[in-house]
Amino acid sequence: TSSSEGSVVTGSETVPNGLIAHCYTSNSSGTSYSYVKSELISSIDIDNISFNALFGIDGDVNGQDYAAIDFEGYLYVASSGNYSFYTKVDDRISLIIDDEPVAYRTSATGNSWVDMSKDSGTTSDATPTHLSQGYHKIRVRLWEITGGAFIHLAMADEGTGVGNITDSDIISSSSF
């Protein structure tokens, strides 16, 4: 249940509404990470300008290379069902719900929506995920290698099909 104080009660714990973005830089091989900062954000709908701002860089430039952001929070699901997840991402993404790996994408998608359950660049074989009504712990990791960076995450009922996904399916800030 959301409260007027801006927090979510998830059974035994209370957490802030929104998501926490934990920002890290890494070496070019991605084997060593350094913590930069954590910041409360409203959604997993981050363009290049917003990505750079999280690392203290102004503007729509090819800013922070070799970096990662862990988005953590609670996703509210209004009705039980099987859900598929879709992404537009540069460069890589993984999705964990209730501490269980759901899907990942190991290559940039460009500006096209991609069904995360069909990652031709990996052996990922995620199927639609059954989610009960209520709050679910969510963790999304974005890896940035070089160039621009963005992440947009959408979810829809099983069987919707990637051809029917639009920006209106992006998980809204009111869901966190």
Protein backbone atom coordinates (compact mmCIF):
# COMPACT_ATOMS: atom_id res chain seq x y z
CA THR A 1 0.00 0.00 0.00
CA SER A 2 1.35 3.44 -0.85
CA SER A 3 1.16 6.08 1.82
CA SER A 4 0.99 9.85 1.65
CA GLU A 5 4.47 10.05 3.18
CA GLY A 6 5.99 8.68 -0.03
CA SER A 7 6.70 5.14 1.11
CA VAL A 8 5.61 1.64 0.21
CA VAL A 9 4.71 -1.02 2.76
CA THR A 10 5.62 -4.45 1.39
CA GLY A 11 4.57 -6.82 4.14
CA SER A 12 7.33 -6.59 6.72
CA GLU A 13 9.23 -3.55 5.46
CA THR A 14 8.64 0.01 4.37
CA VAL A 15 10.67 1.45 1.48
CA PRO A 16 10.60 4.80 -0.33
CA ASN A 17 8.39 5.17 -3.39
CA GLY A 18 10.48 5.17 -6.53
CA LEU A 19 13.71 3.45 -7.39
CA ILE A 20 17.23 3.80 -6.13
CA ALA A 21 19.88 4.05 -8.84
CA HIS A 22 23.29 2.83 -7.66
CA CYS A 23 25.92 4.17 -10.07
CA TYR A 24 29.32 2.59 -10.73
CA THR A 25 32.22 3.13 -13.09
CA SER A 26 34.36 0.26 -14.27
CA ASN A 27 37.55 -0.53 -16.09
CA SER A 28 37.30 -1.27 -19.83
CA SER A 29 37.19 -5.04 -19.24
CA GLY A 30 34.27 -4.69 -16.80
CA THR A 31 36.04 -6.68 -14.10
CA SER A 32 36.44 -3.94 -11.51
CA TYR A 33 33.74 -1.49 -10.39
CA SER A 34 33.97 1.68 -8.30
CA TYR A 35 30.93 3.05 -6.51
CA VAL A 36 30.00 6.60 -7.56
CA LYS A 37 26.70 7.40 -5.81
CA SER A 38 23.10 6.38 -5.20
CA GLU A 39 20.12 8.53 -6.12
CA LEU A 40 16.35 8.19 -5.84
CA ILE A 41 14.75 8.22 -9.31
CA SER A 42 11.18 7.80 -10.54
CA SER A 43 11.34 5.21 -13.34
CA ILE A 44 13.43 3.01 -15.62
CA ASP A 45 13.00 5.40 -18.53
CA ILE A 46 16.45 6.94 -18.82
CA ASP A 47 17.69 8.79 -21.90
CA ASN A 48 21.31 9.74 -22.60
CA ILE A 49 21.01 13.14 -20.88
CA SER A 50 19.56 11.57 -17.72
CA PHE A 51 22.19 8.83 -17.77
CA ASN A 52 24.99 11.40 -18.00
CA ALA A 53 23.41 13.52 -15.24
CA LEU A 54 23.60 10.54 -12.86
CA PHE A 55 27.37 10.66 -13.38
CA GLY A 56 27.63 14.46 -13.12
CA ILE A 57 28.00 15.10 -16.87
CA ASP A 58 25.87 17.80 -18.54
CA GLY A 59 24.23 17.43 -21.92
CA ASP A 60 23.47 14.89 -24.61
CA VAL A 61 27.06 13.86 -25.26
CA ASN A 62 28.84 10.53 -25.31
CA GLY A 63 29.61 10.96 -21.64
CA GLN A 64 30.31 8.25 -19.09
CA ASP A 65 31.77 5.14 -20.69
CA TYR A 66 32.42 1.83 -18.88
CA ALA A 67 29.73 2.22 -16.26
CA ALA A 68 26.83 0.37 -14.66
CA ILE A 69 23.64 1.37 -12.90
CA ASP A 70 21.67 -0.93 -10.61
CA PHE A 71 18.03 0.17 -10.33
CA GLU A 72 16.39 -1.29 -7.23
CA GLY A 73 12.92 -0.91 -5.83
CA TYR A 74 9.49 -2.49 -5.72
CA LEU A 75 7.24 -2.91 -8.73
CA TYR A 76 3.49 -2.86 -8.11
CA VAL A 77 1.48 -5.32 -10.21
CA ALA A 78 -2.23 -4.44 -10.30
CA SER A 79 -3.48 -7.89 -11.28
CA SER A 80 -2.00 -11.39 -11.25
CA GLY A 81 -0.93 -12.73 -14.61
CA ASN A 82 1.87 -13.73 -16.93
CA TYR A 83 3.94 -10.77 -18.09
CA SER A 84 6.58 -10.26 -20.76
CA PHE A 85 9.26 -7.59 -20.55
CA TYR A 86 10.52 -5.45 -23.40
CA THR A 87 13.45 -3.07 -23.67
CA LYS A 88 15.16 -0.41 -25.71
CA VAL A 89 18.71 -0.30 -24.38
CA ASP A 90 22.26 0.79 -25.13
CA ASP A 91 24.28 -1.31 -24.20
CA ARG A 92 23.22 -4.28 -21.98
CA ILE A 93 20.53 -5.10 -19.42
CA SER A 94 19.57 -7.75 -16.89
CA LEU A 95 16.26 -8.05 -15.03
CA ILE A 96 15.74 -9.74 -11.65
CA ILE A 97 12.34 -9.93 -9.93
CA ASP A 98 11.89 -11.27 -6.40
CA ASP A 99 15.58 -12.32 -6.43
CA GLU A 100 15.05 -14.55 -9.51
CA PRO A 101 16.74 -13.83 -12.87
CA VAL A 102 14.01 -13.07 -15.41
CA ALA A 103 15.80 -11.94 -18.58
CA TYR A 104 18.88 -10.28 -19.98
CA ARG A 105 20.02 -8.67 -23.19
CA THR A 106 23.69 -8.69 -24.23
CA SER A 107 23.51 -6.32 -27.18
CA ALA A 108 22.17 -2.85 -27.85
CA THR A 109 18.69 -2.67 -29.38
CA GLY A 110 18.78 0.78 -30.93
CA ASN A 111 15.43 2.54 -30.93
CA SER A 112 13.40 -0.61 -31.50
CA TRP A 113 11.50 -2.46 -28.78
CA VAL A 114 12.91 -5.94 -28.21
CA ASP A 115 11.23 -8.82 -26.38
CA MET A 116 13.68 -9.66 -23.58
CA SER A 117 12.63 -13.31 -23.75
CA LYS A 118 14.11 -13.60 -27.25
CA ASP A 119 17.75 -12.52 -27.06
CA SER A 120 19.37 -13.83 -30.21
CA GLY A 121 22.76 -12.73 -28.90
CA THR A 122 22.71 -15.18 -25.99
CA THR A 123 21.29 -18.44 -24.77
CA SER A 124 18.68 -16.55 -22.77
CA ASP A 125 15.37 -18.37 -22.96
CA ALA A 126 13.19 -16.41 -20.58
CA THR A 127 9.49 -17.18 -20.68
CA PRO A 128 6.70 -14.87 -19.56
CA THR A 129 6.92 -14.35 -15.82
CA HIS A 130 3.95 -15.02 -13.55
CA LEU A 131 3.50 -12.17 -11.09
CA SER A 132 0.86 -12.10 -8.38
CA GLN A 133 -1.01 -8.92 -7.53
CA GLY A 134 1.02 -6.73 -5.18
CA TYR A 135 4.59 -5.50 -4.77
CA HIS A 136 7.61 -7.34 -6.20
CA LYS A 137 11.26 -6.60 -5.55
CA ILE A 138 12.89 -5.53 -8.83
CA ARG A 139 16.52 -5.06 -9.83
CA VAL A 140 17.57 -3.93 -13.28
CA ARG A 141 21.22 -3.54 -14.25
CA LEU A 142 22.33 -1.39 -17.16
CA TRP A 143 25.86 -1.77 -18.48
CA GLU A 144 27.29 1.03 -20.58
CA ILE A 145 30.37 0.28 -22.66
CA THR A 146 31.02 3.28 -24.94
CA GLY A 147 29.05 5.99 -26.72
CA GLY A 148 25.54 7.03 -25.74
CA ALA A 149 23.49 5.24 -23.12
CA PHE A 150 19.76 4.77 -22.52
CA ILE A 151 17.31 2.30 -21.06
CA HIS A 152 13.55 2.00 -21.41
CA LEU A 153 11.74 -0.93 -19.79
CA ALA A 154 8.18 -1.97 -20.63
CA MET A 155 5.94 -4.81 -19.53
CA ALA A 156 2.76 -6.21 -21.01
CA ASP A 157 0.41 -9.15 -20.66
CA GLU A 158 1.73 -12.41 -22.11
CA GLY A 159 1.02 -12.65 -25.81
CA THR A 160 0.93 -8.90 -26.47
CA GLY A 161 3.80 -9.23 -28.97
CA VAL A 162 6.70 -6.89 -29.50
CA GLY A 163 5.00 -5.34 -32.55
CA ASN A 164 2.29 -3.94 -30.29
CA ILE A 165 4.63 -2.36 -27.71
CA THR A 166 4.83 1.44 -27.71
CA ASP A 167 6.37 4.01 -25.40
CA SER A 168 3.02 4.10 -23.54
CA ASP A 169 3.90 0.59 -22.24
CA ILE A 170 6.97 1.88 -20.37
CA ILE A 171 6.55 0.99 -16.72
CA SER A 172 5.27 4.24 -15.21
CA SER A 173 6.71 5.94 -12.17
CA SER A 174 3.42 5.30 -10.34
CA SER A 175 4.25 1.57 -10.47
CA PHE A 176 7.25 1.99 -8.15
